[in-house]
Amino acid sequence: MGDDVKKPKSHLFSILLIISAIIFLLACLLIVFGKSFLDDSYEIGVRLATVFVAFASFCSTTSFSYLVYLHNKSVNKANQDANSRAEMFRNLQFASDNYSIIEFMDRMLIYEESPRYVEKYIKNRSTEFHMFESTVKLDDVLARPQNYRYLSLKIPFKVVEGKLVASIYFEQLKFERSGVSYIFVSGNKKTDTRAYLLYNENTKRKNVIVNLVIPKNSDFFFPDQINVFSKIKMNILITSLLGVEVRGVSELYFTNPEQKEGDGSNTYNITSSNFTLSSMPTISLLHHKENNNIGNLKR
């Protein structure tokens, strides 16, 4: 950083010396050639003195202007640094006061996704609200949607700290059963999967709903059986109503489903829920702007 600041200064100083030398040489040449037109040595002395005074005035004025320029540049840089630090502090203070932390609770439900939503999103090549088993290829799902099954995962949650929740995005879902892991990821690697946020008027609880896509031959879930899972690990992004986001990992633990409903859905009683922050709260607009700038630099 210091070398970058010194280089412009050395260049400007070199240019100043070169210009001064050129003016001095031109003045001397005028004196030498002027001697042939003037016989009086007194005239030559006056001209020589005038040239030196003018040259000294030029050098002093230029040097003073250059020093003023360097001073103003240093003051401007110091002011910019101070403003940047103040703005960063304000952003950190705003983010620390307006984030949201949630806790999943009560009962988790897995059931077949409504064909109406499959028709609305998958067949229209929109995968914003769907997560795909890691072995599934998005292009194949869009080309042959009939070869896959579509499930919905619904979990009640509550805000345990902070402001109201505006949105929740899922980066990854990991189900564990008897040492076997089923991993779900977003169809678009550059973005996370958006979840539905629904308020149940009967239970007075908020629910998060995310849709899952699996091959028809997958043993992940069978509607006519009790599908046992011992743990679910979720990498999520929570954005508060005031635009502050936090990333974290939520882990749910439970035993066998309490019951298998008549429609083939499984109800899981959540016995323990843990949420761990993986990044500090940030203002979402600033975070996305930084990511865009990084992406532009890489390109």
C-alpha atoms as a PDB file:
ATOM      1  CA  MET A   1       0.000   0.000   0.000  1.00  0.00           C
ATOM      2  CA  GLY A   2       2.868   2.371   0.874  1.00  0.00           C
ATOM      3  CA  ASP A   3       4.646   1.701  -2.436  1.00  0.00           C
ATOM      4  CA  ASP A   4       1.457   2.518  -4.366  1.00  0.00           C
ATOM      5  CA  VAL A   5       1.204   5.880  -2.602  1.00  0.00           C
ATOM      6  CA  LYS A   6       4.892   6.746  -3.113  1.00  0.00           C
ATOM      7  CA  LYS A   7       4.965   6.002  -6.843  1.00  0.00           C
ATOM      8  CA  PRO A   8       2.636   8.883  -7.898  1.00  0.00           C
ATOM      9  CA  LYS A   9       4.589  11.271  -5.643  1.00  0.00           C
ATOM     10  CA  SER A  10       7.959  10.334  -7.204  1.00  0.00           C
ATOM     11  CA  HIS A  11       6.515  10.687 -10.711  1.00  0.00           C
ATOM     12  CA  LEU A  12       5.150  14.152  -9.986  1.00  0.00           C
ATOM     13  CA  PHE A  13       8.450  15.250  -8.428  1.00  0.00           C
ATOM     14  CA  SER A  14      10.376  13.996 -11.467  1.00  0.00           C
ATOM     15  CA  ILE A  15       8.051  15.864 -13.815  1.00  0.00           C
ATOM     16  CA  LEU A  16       8.531  19.032 -11.749  1.00  0.00           C
ATOM     17  CA  LEU A  17      12.326  18.747 -11.966  1.00  0.00           C
ATOM     18  CA  ILE A  18      12.238  18.141 -15.734  1.00  0.00           C
ATOM     19  CA  ILE A  19       9.998  21.173 -16.360  1.00  0.00           C
ATOM     20  CA  SER A  20      12.213  23.360 -14.154  1.00  0.00           C
ATOM     21  CA  ALA A  21      15.344  22.201 -15.987  1.00  0.00           C
ATOM     22  CA  ILE A  22      13.771  22.927 -19.372  1.00  0.00           C
ATOM     23  CA  ILE A  23      12.776  26.460 -18.306  1.00  0.00           C
ATOM     24  CA  PHE A  24      16.259  27.090 -16.923  1.00  0.00           C
ATOM     25  CA  LEU A  25      17.931  25.898 -20.120  1.00  0.00           C
ATOM     26  CA  LEU A  26      15.642  28.014 -22.266  1.00  0.00           C
ATOM     27  CA  ALA A  27      16.454  31.051 -20.128  1.00  0.00           C
ATOM     28  CA  CYS A  28      20.212  30.444 -20.475  1.00  0.00           C
ATOM     29  CA  LEU A  29      19.887  30.023 -24.242  1.00  0.00           C
ATOM     30  CA  LEU A  30      18.041  33.307 -24.515  1.00  0.00           C
ATOM     31  CA  ILE A  31      20.811  35.004 -22.536  1.00  0.00           C
ATOM     32  CA  VAL A  32      23.557  33.511 -24.737  1.00  0.00           C
ATOM     33  CA  PHE A  33      21.856  34.357 -28.011  1.00  0.00           C
ATOM     34  CA  GLY A  34      20.806  37.756 -26.680  1.00  0.00           C
ATOM     35  CA  LYS A  35      24.471  38.682 -26.147  1.00  0.00           C
ATOM     36  CA  SER A  36      25.036  39.015 -29.887  1.00  0.00           C
ATOM     37  CA  PHE A  37      22.338  41.708 -30.063  1.00  0.00           C
ATOM     38  CA  LEU A  38      23.458  43.639 -27.000  1.00  0.00           C
ATOM     39  CA  ASP A  39      26.918  45.266 -26.628  1.00  0.00           C
ATOM     40  CA  ASP A  40      26.272  46.619 -23.183  1.00  0.00           C
ATOM     41  CA  SER A  41      27.287  44.090 -20.499  1.00  0.00           C
ATOM     42  CA  TYR A  42      25.030  45.907 -18.057  1.00  0.00           C
ATOM     43  CA  GLU A  43      21.997  44.827 -20.065  1.00  0.00           C
ATOM     44  CA  ILE A  44      23.232  41.229 -19.938  1.00  0.00           C
ATOM     45  CA  GLY A  45      23.602  41.386 -16.134  1.00  0.00           C
ATOM     46  CA  VAL A  46      20.113  42.795 -15.683  1.00  0.00           C
ATOM     47  CA  ARG A  47      18.624  40.129 -17.925  1.00  0.00           C
ATOM     48  CA  LEU A  48      20.558  37.383 -16.107  1.00  0.00           C
ATOM     49  CA  ALA A  49      19.369  38.621 -12.718  1.00  0.00           C
ATOM     50  CA  THR A  50      15.788  38.859 -13.984  1.00  0.00           C
ATOM     51  CA  VAL A  51      15.927  35.302 -15.332  1.00  0.00           C
ATOM     52  CA  PHE A  52      17.212  33.910 -12.025  1.00  0.00           C
ATOM     53  CA  VAL A  53      14.604  35.781 -10.002  1.00  0.00           C
ATOM     54  CA  ALA A  54      11.824  34.598 -12.325  1.00  0.00           C
ATOM     55  CA  PHE A  55      13.133  31.032 -12.212  1.00  0.00           C
ATOM     56  CA  ALA A  56      13.384  31.064  -8.411  1.00  0.00           C
ATOM     57  CA  SER A  57       9.837  32.468  -8.160  1.00  0.00           C
ATOM     58  CA  PHE A  58       8.543  29.776 -10.490  1.00  0.00           C
ATOM     59  CA  CYS A  59      10.260  26.981  -8.525  1.00  0.00           C
ATOM     60  CA  SER A  60       9.055  28.259  -5.138  1.00  0.00           C
ATOM     61  CA  THR A  61       5.478  28.737  -6.340  1.00  0.00           C
ATOM     62  CA  THR A  62       5.407  25.329  -7.990  1.00  0.00           C
ATOM     63  CA  SER A  63       6.927  23.629  -4.952  1.00  0.00           C
ATOM     64  CA  PHE A  64       4.413  25.302  -2.616  1.00  0.00           C
ATOM     65  CA  SER A  65       1.508  24.270  -4.847  1.00  0.00           C
ATOM     66  CA  TYR A  66       2.853  20.742  -4.963  1.00  0.00           C
ATOM     67  CA  LEU A  67       3.117  20.589  -1.154  1.00  0.00           C
ATOM     68  CA  VAL A  68      -0.443  21.939  -0.814  1.00  0.00           C
ATOM     69  CA  TYR A  69      -1.618  19.277  -3.262  1.00  0.00           C
ATOM     70  CA  LEU A  70       0.073  16.500  -1.274  1.00  0.00           C
ATOM     71  CA  HIS A  71      -1.397  17.836   1.967  1.00  0.00           C
ATOM     72  CA  ASN A  72      -4.921  17.998   0.541  1.00  0.00           C
ATOM     73  CA  LYS A  73      -4.539  14.518  -0.872  1.00  0.00           C
ATOM     74  CA  SER A  74      -3.448  13.138   2.509  1.00  0.00           C
ATOM     75  CA  VAL A  75      -6.298  14.921   4.314  1.00  0.00           C
ATOM     76  CA  ASN A  76      -8.819  13.654   1.754  1.00  0.00           C
ATOM     77  CA  LYS A  77      -7.581  10.080   2.167  1.00  0.00           C
ATOM     78  CA  ALA A  78      -7.774  10.366   5.952  1.00  0.00           C
ATOM     79  CA  ASN A  79     -11.337  11.702   5.706  1.00  0.00           C
ATOM     80  CA  GLN A  80     -12.335   8.866   3.380  1.00  0.00           C
ATOM     81  CA  ASP A  81     -10.887   6.292   5.767  1.00  0.00           C
ATOM     82  CA  ALA A  82     -12.689   7.883   8.710  1.00  0.00           C
ATOM     83  CA  ASN A  83     -15.982   7.953   6.790  1.00  0.00           C
ATOM     84  CA  SER A  84     -15.562   4.325   5.741  1.00  0.00           C
ATOM     85  CA  ARG A  85     -14.903   3.244   9.321  1.00  0.00           C
ATOM     86  CA  ALA A  86     -17.892   5.232  10.575  1.00  0.00           C
ATOM     87  CA  GLU A  87     -20.165   3.738   7.905  1.00  0.00           C
ATOM     88  CA  MET A  88     -18.896   0.238   8.700  1.00  0.00           C
ATOM     89  CA  PHE A  89     -19.592   0.799  12.394  1.00  0.00           C
ATOM     90  CA  ARG A  90     -23.134   2.032  11.641  1.00  0.00           C
ATOM     91  CA  ASN A  91     -23.799  -1.014   9.452  1.00  0.00           C
ATOM     92  CA  LEU A  92     -22.467  -3.385  12.100  1.00  0.00           C
ATOM     93  CA  GLN A  93     -24.559  -1.722  14.779  1.00  0.00           C
ATOM     94  CA  PHE A  94     -27.692  -1.874  12.593  1.00  0.00           C
ATOM     95  CA  ALA A  95     -27.084  -5.541  11.738  1.00  0.00           C
ATOM     96  CA  SER A  96     -26.458  -6.503  15.374  1.00  0.00           C
ATOM     97  CA  ASP A  97     -29.768  -4.898  16.417  1.00  0.00           C
ATOM     98  CA  ASN A  98     -32.023  -6.227  13.644  1.00  0.00           C
ATOM     99  CA  TYR A  99     -31.169  -9.868  12.893  1.00  0.00           C
ATOM    100  CA  SER A 100     -33.445 -12.888  13.399  1.00  0.00           C
ATOM    101  CA  ILE A 101     -32.732 -16.254  15.033  1.00  0.00           C
ATOM    102  CA  ILE A 102     -35.335 -19.003  14.725  1.00  0.00           C
ATOM    103  CA  GLU A 103     -35.966 -22.357  16.351  1.00  0.00           C
ATOM    104  CA  PHE A 104     -37.779 -25.255  14.711  1.00  0.00           C
ATOM    105  CA  MET A 105     -40.270 -26.870  17.040  1.00  0.00           C
ATOM    106  CA  ASP A 106     -43.167 -29.251  17.591  1.00  0.00           C
ATOM    107  CA  ARG A 107     -43.758 -31.643  14.671  1.00  0.00           C
ATOM    108  CA  MET A 108     -42.157 -31.972  11.255  1.00  0.00           C
ATOM    109  CA  LEU A 109     -44.324 -33.247   8.401  1.00  0.00           C
ATOM    110  CA  ILE A 110     -43.270 -34.946   5.135  1.00  0.00           C
ATOM    111  CA  TYR A 111     -45.927 -35.496   2.482  1.00  0.00           C
ATOM    112  CA  GLU A 112     -46.508 -35.660  -1.266  1.00  0.00           C
ATOM    113  CA  GLU A 113     -46.344 -32.271  -2.955  1.00  0.00           C
ATOM    114  CA  SER A 114     -49.548 -31.023  -4.499  1.00  0.00           C
ATOM    115  CA  PRO A 115     -49.662 -31.773  -8.268  1.00  0.00           C
ATOM    116  CA  ARG A 116     -50.896 -28.225  -8.739  1.00  0.00           C
ATOM    117  CA  TYR A 117     -47.543 -26.811  -7.599  1.00  0.00           C
ATOM    118  CA  VAL A 118     -45.582 -29.367  -9.614  1.00  0.00           C
ATOM    119  CA  GLU A 119     -47.498 -28.220 -12.671  1.00  0.00           C
ATOM    120  CA  LYS A 120     -46.987 -24.570 -11.787  1.00  0.00           C
ATOM    121  CA  TYR A 121     -43.245 -24.659 -11.125  1.00  0.00           C
ATOM    122  CA  ILE A 122     -41.442 -27.746 -12.423  1.00  0.00           C
ATOM    123  CA  LYS A 123     -43.252 -27.966 -15.740  1.00  0.00           C
ATOM    124  CA  ASN A 124     -42.709 -24.237 -16.235  1.00  0.00           C
ATOM    125  CA  ARG A 125     -38.963 -24.733 -15.583  1.00  0.00           C
ATOM    126  CA  SER A 126     -39.013 -22.789 -12.313  1.00  0.00           C
ATOM    127  CA  THR A 127     -37.043 -24.418  -9.494  1.00  0.00           C
ATOM    128  CA  GLU A 128     -36.883 -21.551  -7.014  1.00  0.00           C
ATOM    129  CA  PHE A 129     -38.845 -23.465  -4.355  1.00  0.00           C
ATOM    130  CA  HIS A 130     -37.419 -26.966  -4.926  1.00  0.00           C
ATOM    131  CA  MET A 131     -34.385 -28.875  -3.669  1.00  0.00           C
ATOM    132  CA  PHE A 132     -32.987 -31.875  -5.502  1.00  0.00           C
ATOM    133  CA  GLU A 133     -31.384 -35.050  -4.228  1.00  0.00           C
ATOM    134  CA  SER A 134     -27.646 -34.773  -4.882  1.00  0.00           C
ATOM    135  CA  THR A 135     -27.729 -37.592  -7.468  1.00  0.00           C
ATOM    136  CA  VAL A 136     -30.451 -35.879  -9.499  1.00  0.00           C
ATOM    137  CA  LYS A 137     -29.635 -33.779 -12.570  1.00  0.00           C
ATOM    138  CA  LEU A 138     -31.742 -30.681 -13.008  1.00  0.00           C
ATOM    139  CA  ASP A 139     -31.850 -30.883 -16.808  1.00  0.00           C
ATOM    140  CA  ASP A 140     -33.258 -34.406 -16.639  1.00  0.00           C
ATOM    141  CA  VAL A 141     -35.967 -33.341 -14.184  1.00  0.00           C
ATOM    142  CA  LEU A 142     -37.051 -30.509 -16.477  1.00  0.00           C
ATOM    143  CA  ALA A 143     -36.963 -32.763 -19.538  1.00  0.00           C
ATOM    144  CA  ARG A 144     -38.674 -35.801 -17.925  1.00  0.00           C
ATOM    145  CA  PRO A 145     -40.575 -34.660 -14.811  1.00  0.00           C
ATOM    146  CA  GLN A 146     -42.687 -37.839 -14.828  1.00  0.00           C
ATOM    147  CA  ASN A 147     -39.625 -39.881 -13.785  1.00  0.00           C
ATOM    148  CA  TYR A 148     -39.404 -38.184 -10.394  1.00  0.00           C
ATOM    149  CA  ARG A 149     -41.383 -37.882  -7.192  1.00  0.00           C
ATOM    150  CA  TYR A 150     -42.136 -34.607  -5.452  1.00  0.00           C
ATOM    151  CA  LEU A 151     -42.370 -34.193  -1.686  1.00  0.00           C
ATOM    152  CA  SER A 152     -42.938 -31.306   0.702  1.00  0.00           C
ATOM    153  CA  LEU A 153     -41.267 -30.748   4.055  1.00  0.00           C
ATOM    154  CA  LYS A 154     -43.140 -28.579   6.575  1.00  0.00           C
ATOM    155  CA  ILE A 155     -41.688 -27.517   9.936  1.00  0.00           C
ATOM    156  CA  PRO A 156     -43.152 -25.056  12.469  1.00  0.00           C
ATOM    157  CA  PHE A 157     -40.747 -22.426  13.779  1.00  0.00           C
ATOM    158  CA  LYS A 158     -40.637 -19.464  16.125  1.00  0.00           C
ATOM    159  CA  VAL A 159     -38.390 -16.412  16.427  1.00  0.00           C
ATOM    160  CA  VAL A 160     -36.331 -16.837  19.595  1.00  0.00           C
ATOM    161  CA  GLU A 161     -34.282 -13.662  19.187  1.00  0.00           C
ATOM    162  CA  GLY A 162     -34.457 -10.574  17.016  1.00  0.00           C
ATOM    163  CA  LYS A 163     -36.969  -9.204  14.527  1.00  0.00           C
ATOM    164  CA  LEU A 164     -39.685 -10.776  12.393  1.00  0.00           C
ATOM    165  CA  VAL A 165     -38.527 -13.105   9.627  1.00  0.00           C
ATOM    166  CA  ALA A 166     -38.955 -11.938   6.021  1.00  0.00           C
ATOM    167  CA  SER A 167     -37.516 -14.959   4.201  1.00  0.00           C
ATOM    168  CA  ILE A 168     -35.698 -18.258   4.716  1.00  0.00           C
ATOM    169  CA  TYR A 169     -33.459 -19.886   2.127  1.00  0.00           C
ATOM    170  CA  PHE A 170     -32.073 -23.431   2.211  1.00  0.00           C
ATOM    171  CA  GLU A 171     -28.528 -24.066   1.037  1.00  0.00           C
ATOM    172  CA  GLN A 172     -28.462 -27.790   1.858  1.00  0.00           C
ATOM    173  CA  LEU A 173     -30.579 -30.443   3.547  1.00  0.00           C
ATOM    174  CA  LYS A 174     -29.131 -33.633   4.969  1.00  0.00           C
ATOM    175  CA  PHE A 175     -31.306 -36.503   6.261  1.00  0.00           C
ATOM    176  CA  GLU A 176     -29.727 -39.377   8.193  1.00  0.00           C
ATOM    177  CA  ARG A 177     -31.128 -42.864   8.543  1.00  0.00           C
ATOM    178  CA  SER A 178     -29.185 -45.863   9.910  1.00  0.00           C
ATOM    179  CA  GLY A 179     -25.843 -44.422   8.817  1.00  0.00           C
ATOM    180  CA  VAL A 180     -27.126 -43.485   5.332  1.00  0.00           C
ATOM    181  CA  SER A 181     -27.263 -39.818   4.333  1.00  0.00           C
ATOM    182  CA  TYR A 182     -29.680 -38.254   1.846  1.00  0.00           C
ATOM    183  CA  ILE A 183     -28.408 -34.851   0.723  1.00  0.00           C
ATOM    184  CA  PHE A 184     -30.547 -32.252  -1.051  1.00  0.00           C
ATOM    185  CA  VAL A 185     -29.174 -29.158  -2.776  1.00  0.00           C
ATOM    186  CA  SER A 186     -30.487 -26.254  -4.824  1.00  0.00           C
ATOM    187  CA  GLY A 187     -31.042 -26.736  -8.550  1.00  0.00           C
ATOM    188  CA  ASN A 188     -29.093 -23.544  -9.232  1.00  0.00           C
ATOM    189  CA  LYS A 189     -25.612 -23.707  -7.705  1.00  0.00           C
ATOM    190  CA  LYS A 190     -25.366 -19.905  -7.586  1.00  0.00           C
ATOM    191  CA  THR A 191     -28.489 -19.415  -5.445  1.00  0.00           C
ATOM    192  CA  ASP A 192     -30.197 -21.087  -2.501  1.00  0.00           C
ATOM    193  CA  THR A 193     -33.687 -22.578  -2.470  1.00  0.00           C
ATOM    194  CA  ARG A 194     -36.419 -20.295  -1.241  1.00  0.00           C
ATOM    195  CA  ALA A 195     -38.893 -21.664   1.300  1.00  0.00           C
ATOM    196  CA  TYR A 196     -42.572 -20.866   1.735  1.00  0.00           C
ATOM    197  CA  LEU A 197     -43.451 -19.094   4.972  1.00  0.00           C
ATOM    198  CA  LEU A 198     -47.044 -19.817   6.007  1.00  0.00           C
ATOM    199  CA  TYR A 199     -49.007 -18.816   9.081  1.00  0.00           C
ATOM    200  CA  ASN A 200     -51.476 -21.377  10.408  1.00  0.00           C
ATOM    201  CA  GLU A 201     -54.546 -19.665  11.801  1.00  0.00           C
ATOM    202  CA  ASN A 202     -55.619 -22.775  13.703  1.00  0.00           C
ATOM    203  CA  THR A 203     -52.360 -23.460  15.539  1.00  0.00           C
ATOM    204  CA  LYS A 204     -51.231 -19.792  15.552  1.00  0.00           C
ATOM    205  CA  ARG A 205     -47.803 -20.914  14.368  1.00  0.00           C
ATOM    206  CA  LYS A 206     -45.554 -20.074  11.463  1.00  0.00           C
ATOM    207  CA  ASN A 207     -44.384 -22.853   9.179  1.00  0.00           C
ATOM    208  CA  VAL A 208     -41.548 -23.169   6.710  1.00  0.00           C
ATOM    209  CA  ILE A 209     -42.195 -25.352   3.667  1.00  0.00           C
ATOM    210  CA  VAL A 210     -39.591 -26.542   1.161  1.00  0.00           C
ATOM    211  CA  ASN A 211     -40.162 -28.984  -1.698  1.00  0.00           C
ATOM    212  CA  LEU A 212     -37.956 -32.016  -2.412  1.00  0.00           C
ATOM    213  CA  VAL A 213     -37.362 -33.844  -5.697  1.00  0.00           C
ATOM    214  CA  ILE A 214     -36.256 -37.514  -5.684  1.00  0.00           C
ATOM    215  CA  PRO A 215     -36.051 -40.274  -8.323  1.00  0.00           C
ATOM    216  CA  LYS A 216     -38.956 -42.669  -8.417  1.00  0.00           C
ATOM    217  CA  ASN A 217     -36.686 -45.556  -7.424  1.00  0.00           C
ATOM    218  CA  SER A 218     -35.276 -43.720  -4.385  1.00  0.00           C
ATOM    219  CA  ASP A 219     -35.734 -45.333  -0.958  1.00  0.00           C
ATOM    220  CA  PHE A 220     -35.794 -41.933   0.745  1.00  0.00           C
ATOM    221  CA  PHE A 221     -39.546 -41.876   1.333  1.00  0.00           C
ATOM    222  CA  PHE A 222     -42.422 -44.302   0.776  1.00  0.00           C
ATOM    223  CA  PRO A 223     -45.945 -42.966   1.392  1.00  0.00           C
ATOM    224  CA  ASP A 224     -47.264 -46.389   2.442  1.00  0.00           C
ATOM    225  CA  GLN A 225     -44.561 -46.943   5.095  1.00  0.00           C
ATOM    226  CA  ILE A 226     -43.145 -45.361   8.239  1.00  0.00           C
ATOM    227  CA  ASN A 227     -39.987 -43.603   7.072  1.00  0.00           C
ATOM    228  CA  VAL A 228     -37.525 -43.381   9.932  1.00  0.00           C
ATOM    229  CA  PHE A 229     -34.979 -40.559  10.204  1.00  0.00           C
ATOM    230  CA  SER A 230     -32.709 -39.988  13.191  1.00  0.00           C
ATOM    231  CA  LYS A 231     -31.455 -36.503  12.328  1.00  0.00           C
ATOM    232  CA  ILE A 232     -31.814 -33.640   9.871  1.00  0.00           C
ATOM    233  CA  LYS A 233     -29.136 -31.041   9.264  1.00  0.00           C
ATOM    234  CA  MET A 234     -30.153 -27.823   7.480  1.00  0.00           C
ATOM    235  CA  ASN A 235     -27.900 -25.052   6.181  1.00  0.00           C
ATOM    236  CA  ILE A 236     -30.154 -22.015   6.039  1.00  0.00           C
ATOM    237  CA  LEU A 237     -30.094 -18.266   5.393  1.00  0.00           C
ATOM    238  CA  ILE A 238     -32.497 -16.167   7.486  1.00  0.00           C
ATOM    239  CA  THR A 239     -33.353 -12.597   6.493  1.00  0.00           C
ATOM    240  CA  SER A 240     -35.177 -10.338   8.922  1.00  0.00           C
ATOM    241  CA  LEU A 241     -37.924  -7.905   8.010  1.00  0.00           C
ATOM    242  CA  LEU A 242     -35.366  -5.060   8.102  1.00  0.00           C
ATOM    243  CA  GLY A 243     -33.029  -6.786   5.621  1.00  0.00           C
ATOM    244  CA  VAL A 244     -30.403  -8.264   7.969  1.00  0.00           C
ATOM    245  CA  GLU A 245     -29.362 -11.822   7.153  1.00  0.00           C
ATOM    246  CA  VAL A 246     -27.591 -14.561   9.075  1.00  0.00           C
ATOM    247  CA  ARG A 247     -26.365 -17.963   7.948  1.00  0.00           C
ATOM    248  CA  GLY A 248     -26.503 -20.918  10.252  1.00  0.00           C
ATOM    249  CA  VAL A 249     -26.886 -24.653  10.658  1.00  0.00           C
ATOM    250  CA  SER A 250     -29.996 -26.091  12.286  1.00  0.00           C
ATOM    251  CA  GLU A 251     -30.038 -29.698  13.501  1.00  0.00           C
ATOM    252  CA  LEU A 252     -33.245 -31.539  14.372  1.00  0.00           C
ATOM    253  CA  TYR A 253     -33.320 -34.765  16.370  1.00  0.00           C
ATOM    254  CA  PHE A 254     -36.307 -37.075  16.727  1.00  0.00           C
ATOM    255  CA  THR A 255     -37.286 -40.717  17.004  1.00  0.00           C
ATOM    256  CA  ASN A 256     -39.644 -42.656  14.735  1.00  0.00           C
ATOM    257  CA  PRO A 257     -42.667 -40.871  13.273  1.00  0.00           C
ATOM    258  CA  GLU A 258     -45.436 -40.477  15.790  1.00  0.00           C
ATOM    259  CA  GLN A 259     -47.878 -41.613  13.181  1.00  0.00           C
ATOM    260  CA  LYS A 260     -48.426 -42.254   9.495  1.00  0.00           C
ATOM    261  CA  GLU A 261     -51.363 -40.222   8.311  1.00  0.00           C
ATOM    262  CA  GLY A 262     -54.074 -41.564   6.034  1.00  0.00           C
ATOM    263  CA  ASP A 263     -52.791 -39.499   3.119  1.00  0.00           C
ATOM    264  CA  GLY A 264     -49.353 -41.139   3.350  1.00  0.00           C
ATOM    265  CA  SER A 265     -47.647 -38.292   5.191  1.00  0.00           C
ATOM    266  CA  ASN A 266     -45.340 -38.906   8.151  1.00  0.00           C
ATOM    267  CA  THR A 267     -45.455 -36.780  11.306  1.00  0.00           C
ATOM    268  CA  TYR A 268     -42.213 -36.483  13.280  1.00  0.00           C
ATOM    269  CA  ASN A 269     -42.052 -35.243  16.849  1.00  0.00           C
ATOM    270  CA  ILE A 270     -39.015 -32.957  17.242  1.00  0.00           C
ATOM    271  CA  THR A 271     -37.297 -33.802  20.516  1.00  0.00           C
ATOM    272  CA  SER A 272     -34.325 -31.433  20.145  1.00  0.00           C
ATOM    273  CA  SER A 273     -33.433 -28.486  17.928  1.00  0.00           C
ATOM    274  CA  ASN A 274     -30.061 -26.721  17.763  1.00  0.00           C
ATOM    275  CA  PHE A 275     -29.128 -23.649  15.748  1.00  0.00           C
ATOM    276  CA  THR A 276     -25.493 -22.617  15.232  1.00  0.00           C
ATOM    277  CA  LEU A 277     -24.411 -19.409  13.495  1.00  0.00           C
ATOM    278  CA  SER A 278     -21.963 -19.903  10.641  1.00  0.00           C
ATOM    279  CA  SER A 279     -21.599 -16.176   9.863  1.00  0.00           C
ATOM    280  CA  MET A 280     -22.217 -12.913  11.667  1.00  0.00           C
ATOM    281  CA  PRO A 281     -25.268 -10.768  10.819  1.00  0.00           C
ATOM    282  CA  THR A 282     -24.877  -8.647   7.693  1.00  0.00           C
ATOM    283  CA  ILE A 283     -27.111  -6.250   5.785  1.00  0.00           C
ATOM    284  CA  SER A 284     -28.369  -8.279   2.835  1.00  0.00           C
ATOM    285  CA  LEU A 285     -28.069  -5.501   0.209  1.00  0.00           C
ATOM    286  CA  LEU A 286     -24.422  -4.873   1.133  1.00  0.00           C
ATOM    287  CA  HIS A 287     -23.685  -8.594   1.184  1.00  0.00           C
ATOM    288  CA  HIS A 288     -25.126  -9.145  -2.295  1.00  0.00           C
ATOM    289  CA  LYS A 289     -23.307  -6.053  -3.591  1.00  0.00           C
ATOM    290  CA  GLU A 290     -19.980  -7.412  -2.290  1.00  0.00           C
ATOM    291  CA  ASN A 291     -20.678 -10.801  -3.889  1.00  0.00           C
ATOM    292  CA  ASN A 292     -21.464  -9.121  -7.224  1.00  0.00           C
ATOM    293  CA  ASN A 293     -18.245  -7.100  -7.039  1.00  0.00           C
ATOM    294  CA  ILE A 294     -16.247 -10.261  -6.309  1.00  0.00           C
ATOM    295  CA  GLY A 295     -17.924 -12.011  -9.219  1.00  0.00           C
ATOM    296  CA  ASN A 296     -17.120  -9.129 -11.569  1.00  0.00           C
ATOM    297  CA  LEU A 297     -13.474  -9.183 -10.462  1.00  0.00           C
ATOM    298  CA  LYS A 298     -13.256 -12.928 -11.138  1.00  0.00           C
ATOM    299  CA  ARG A 299     -14.674 -12.450 -14.629  1.00  0.00           C
END
